[in-house]
Amino acid sequence: MSNALDVTDSTWESTVLQSETPVLVDFWAEWCGPCKAMGPLVDKLAEDLGEKIKVVKLNTQDNPEVPGRYGIVSIPTFMLIKGGEVVHQMLGSMPYPNFKSEVESKL
């Protein structure tokens, strides 16, 4: 089971934009190999930084509205949102130490 919460177009506002905690969003799809490769790293990040950050996953195939609104054209895309605003964005797969340090540096 994933440590990251699933978010949808309909729960985006309440789960992500209204969150009092910074939110890392993983935009992914079932058919995406690099997304699957990053899945365990996203879960580990949720476990390691659980007190500082909320980690959520949005399936872009099932929820096209939010990715369209943010111009997501490549997955996996990771977006850090604080106070309803995008403060950082990362694209593609990367080693866990790089992933974690990049997120932590923007918290």
C-alpha atoms as a PDB file:
ATOM      1  CA  MET A   1       0.000   0.000   0.000  1.00  0.00           C
ATOM      2  CA  SER A   2       1.213   3.473  -0.873  1.00  0.00           C
ATOM      3  CA  ASN A   3       2.137   6.106   1.704  1.00  0.00           C
ATOM      4  CA  ALA A   4       0.984   8.745  -0.771  1.00  0.00           C
ATOM      5  CA  LEU A   5      -2.675   9.729  -0.913  1.00  0.00           C
ATOM      6  CA  ASP A   6      -4.619   9.515  -4.150  1.00  0.00           C
ATOM      7  CA  VAL A   7      -6.047  12.832  -5.280  1.00  0.00           C
ATOM      8  CA  THR A   8      -8.518  13.461  -8.117  1.00  0.00           C
ATOM      9  CA  ASP A   9      -9.795  16.435 -10.100  1.00  0.00           C
ATOM     10  CA  SER A  10     -12.704  16.672  -7.646  1.00  0.00           C
ATOM     11  CA  THR A  11     -10.581  16.486  -4.460  1.00  0.00           C
ATOM     12  CA  TRP A  12      -7.733  18.716  -5.727  1.00  0.00           C
ATOM     13  CA  GLU A  13      -8.984  21.949  -4.172  1.00  0.00           C
ATOM     14  CA  SER A  14      -9.588  20.567  -0.660  1.00  0.00           C
ATOM     15  CA  THR A  15      -6.638  18.152  -0.520  1.00  0.00           C
ATOM     16  CA  VAL A  16      -3.932  20.190  -2.231  1.00  0.00           C
ATOM     17  CA  LEU A  17      -4.762  23.875  -2.593  1.00  0.00           C
ATOM     18  CA  GLN A  18      -6.305  24.265   0.867  1.00  0.00           C
ATOM     19  CA  SER A  19      -3.657  22.189   2.662  1.00  0.00           C
ATOM     20  CA  GLU A  20      -1.916  23.901   5.560  1.00  0.00           C
ATOM     21  CA  THR A  21       1.086  21.624   4.942  1.00  0.00           C
ATOM     22  CA  PRO A  22       3.221  21.797   1.787  1.00  0.00           C
ATOM     23  CA  VAL A  23       2.055  19.191  -0.752  1.00  0.00           C
ATOM     24  CA  LEU A  24       4.190  17.217  -3.196  1.00  0.00           C
ATOM     25  CA  VAL A  25       2.067  16.050  -6.122  1.00  0.00           C
ATOM     26  CA  ASP A  26       3.160  13.107  -8.252  1.00  0.00           C
ATOM     27  CA  PHE A  27       1.498  13.340 -11.682  1.00  0.00           C
ATOM     28  CA  TRP A  28       1.610   9.794 -13.096  1.00  0.00           C
ATOM     29  CA  ALA A  29      -0.203   7.210 -15.218  1.00  0.00           C
ATOM     30  CA  GLU A  30      -0.436   3.421 -15.049  1.00  0.00           C
ATOM     31  CA  TRP A  31       1.196   2.930 -18.476  1.00  0.00           C
ATOM     32  CA  CYS A  32       4.227   5.141 -17.672  1.00  0.00           C
ATOM     33  CA  GLY A  33       7.409   3.136 -16.962  1.00  0.00           C
ATOM     34  CA  PRO A  34       9.375   5.994 -15.336  1.00  0.00           C
ATOM     35  CA  CYS A  35       6.297   6.763 -13.184  1.00  0.00           C
ATOM     36  CA  LYS A  36       6.258   3.173 -11.934  1.00  0.00           C
ATOM     37  CA  ALA A  37       9.992   3.350 -11.248  1.00  0.00           C
ATOM     38  CA  MET A  38       9.500   6.496  -9.137  1.00  0.00           C
ATOM     39  CA  GLY A  39       6.503   5.059  -7.243  1.00  0.00           C
ATOM     40  CA  PRO A  40       8.518   3.397  -4.451  1.00  0.00           C
ATOM     41  CA  LEU A  41      10.654   6.549  -4.097  1.00  0.00           C
ATOM     42  CA  VAL A  42       7.537   8.701  -3.765  1.00  0.00           C
ATOM     43  CA  ASP A  43       6.290   6.327  -1.044  1.00  0.00           C
ATOM     44  CA  LYS A  44       9.670   6.470   0.738  1.00  0.00           C
ATOM     45  CA  LEU A  45       9.633  10.271   0.599  1.00  0.00           C
ATOM     46  CA  ALA A  46       6.122  10.291   2.094  1.00  0.00           C
ATOM     47  CA  GLU A  47       7.419   8.072   4.899  1.00  0.00           C
ATOM     48  CA  ASP A  48      10.658  10.010   5.469  1.00  0.00           C
ATOM     49  CA  LEU A  49       9.135  13.510   5.357  1.00  0.00           C
ATOM     50  CA  GLY A  50       5.647  12.652   6.604  1.00  0.00           C
ATOM     51  CA  GLU A  51       5.635  15.278   9.357  1.00  0.00           C
ATOM     52  CA  LYS A  52       6.803  18.116   7.079  1.00  0.00           C
ATOM     53  CA  ILE A  53       4.903  17.421   3.881  1.00  0.00           C
ATOM     54  CA  LYS A  54       1.817  15.776   2.413  1.00  0.00           C
ATOM     55  CA  VAL A  55       2.533  13.540  -0.589  1.00  0.00           C
ATOM     56  CA  VAL A  56      -0.246  12.840  -3.087  1.00  0.00           C
ATOM     57  CA  LYS A  57      -0.522  11.068  -6.451  1.00  0.00           C
ATOM     58  CA  LEU A  58      -2.747  12.179  -9.309  1.00  0.00           C
ATOM     59  CA  ASN A  59      -3.421   9.720 -12.137  1.00  0.00           C
ATOM     60  CA  THR A  60      -3.324  11.955 -15.229  1.00  0.00           C
ATOM     61  CA  GLN A  61      -5.222   9.467 -17.382  1.00  0.00           C
ATOM     62  CA  ASP A  62      -8.208   9.320 -15.025  1.00  0.00           C
ATOM     63  CA  ASN A  63      -8.056  13.009 -14.014  1.00  0.00           C
ATOM     64  CA  PRO A  64      -7.206  15.213 -17.030  1.00  0.00           C
ATOM     65  CA  GLU A  65      -8.568  18.525 -15.685  1.00  0.00           C
ATOM     66  CA  VAL A  66      -5.861  19.393 -13.129  1.00  0.00           C
ATOM     67  CA  PRO A  67      -2.877  18.418 -15.332  1.00  0.00           C
ATOM     68  CA  GLY A  68      -4.394  20.491 -18.135  1.00  0.00           C
ATOM     69  CA  ARG A  69      -4.782  23.486 -15.832  1.00  0.00           C
ATOM     70  CA  TYR A  70      -1.098  23.301 -14.830  1.00  0.00           C
ATOM     71  CA  GLY A  71       0.240  22.526 -18.307  1.00  0.00           C
ATOM     72  CA  ILE A  72       1.524  19.049 -17.418  1.00  0.00           C
ATOM     73  CA  VAL A  73       2.663  17.511 -20.713  1.00  0.00           C
ATOM     74  CA  SER A  74       5.295  15.048 -19.495  1.00  0.00           C
ATOM     75  CA  ILE A  75       5.134  12.489 -16.702  1.00  0.00           C
ATOM     76  CA  PRO A  76       6.260  11.837 -14.127  1.00  0.00           C
ATOM     77  CA  THR A  77       6.052  15.460 -13.059  1.00  0.00           C
ATOM     78  CA  PHE A  78       6.414  16.400  -9.407  1.00  0.00           C
ATOM     79  CA  MET A  79       5.011  19.678  -8.186  1.00  0.00           C
ATOM     80  CA  LEU A  80       5.553  21.202  -4.730  1.00  0.00           C
ATOM     81  CA  ILE A  81       2.641  23.386  -3.672  1.00  0.00           C
ATOM     82  CA  LYS A  82       2.625  25.673  -0.631  1.00  0.00           C
ATOM     83  CA  GLY A  83      -0.335  27.817   0.303  1.00  0.00           C
ATOM     84  CA  GLY A  84      -2.093  26.892  -2.939  1.00  0.00           C
ATOM     85  CA  GLU A  85       0.830  28.101  -5.103  1.00  0.00           C
ATOM     86  CA  VAL A  86       3.335  26.055  -7.106  1.00  0.00           C
ATOM     87  CA  VAL A  87       6.783  26.734  -5.632  1.00  0.00           C
ATOM     88  CA  HIS A  88       8.805  24.070  -7.455  1.00  0.00           C
ATOM     89  CA  GLN A  89       8.471  21.541 -10.263  1.00  0.00           C
ATOM     90  CA  MET A  90      10.609  18.535 -11.223  1.00  0.00           C
ATOM     91  CA  LEU A  91      10.378  16.299 -14.293  1.00  0.00           C
ATOM     92  CA  GLY A  92      11.322  12.685 -14.869  1.00  0.00           C
ATOM     93  CA  SER A  93      12.898  10.003 -12.766  1.00  0.00           C
ATOM     94  CA  MET A  94      15.926  10.582 -10.548  1.00  0.00           C
ATOM     95  CA  PRO A  95      17.859   8.818  -7.777  1.00  0.00           C
ATOM     96  CA  TYR A  96      16.237   9.005  -4.330  1.00  0.00           C
ATOM     97  CA  PRO A  97      18.949  11.172  -2.673  1.00  0.00           C
ATOM     98  CA  ASN A  98      18.551  13.808  -5.411  1.00  0.00           C
ATOM     99  CA  PHE A  99      14.744  13.623  -5.241  1.00  0.00           C
ATOM    100  CA  LYS A 100      14.661  13.988  -1.454  1.00  0.00           C
ATOM    101  CA  SER A 101      17.216  16.800  -1.280  1.00  0.00           C
ATOM    102  CA  GLU A 102      15.506  18.781  -4.040  1.00  0.00           C
ATOM    103  CA  VAL A 103      12.164  18.564  -2.226  1.00  0.00           C
ATOM    104  CA  GLU A 104      13.681  19.343   1.186  1.00  0.00           C
ATOM    105  CA  SER A 105      15.522  22.388  -0.183  1.00  0.00           C
ATOM    106  CA  LYS A 106      12.190  23.955  -1.194  1.00  0.00           C
ATOM    107  CA  LEU A 107      10.253  23.286   2.037  1.00  0.00           C
END
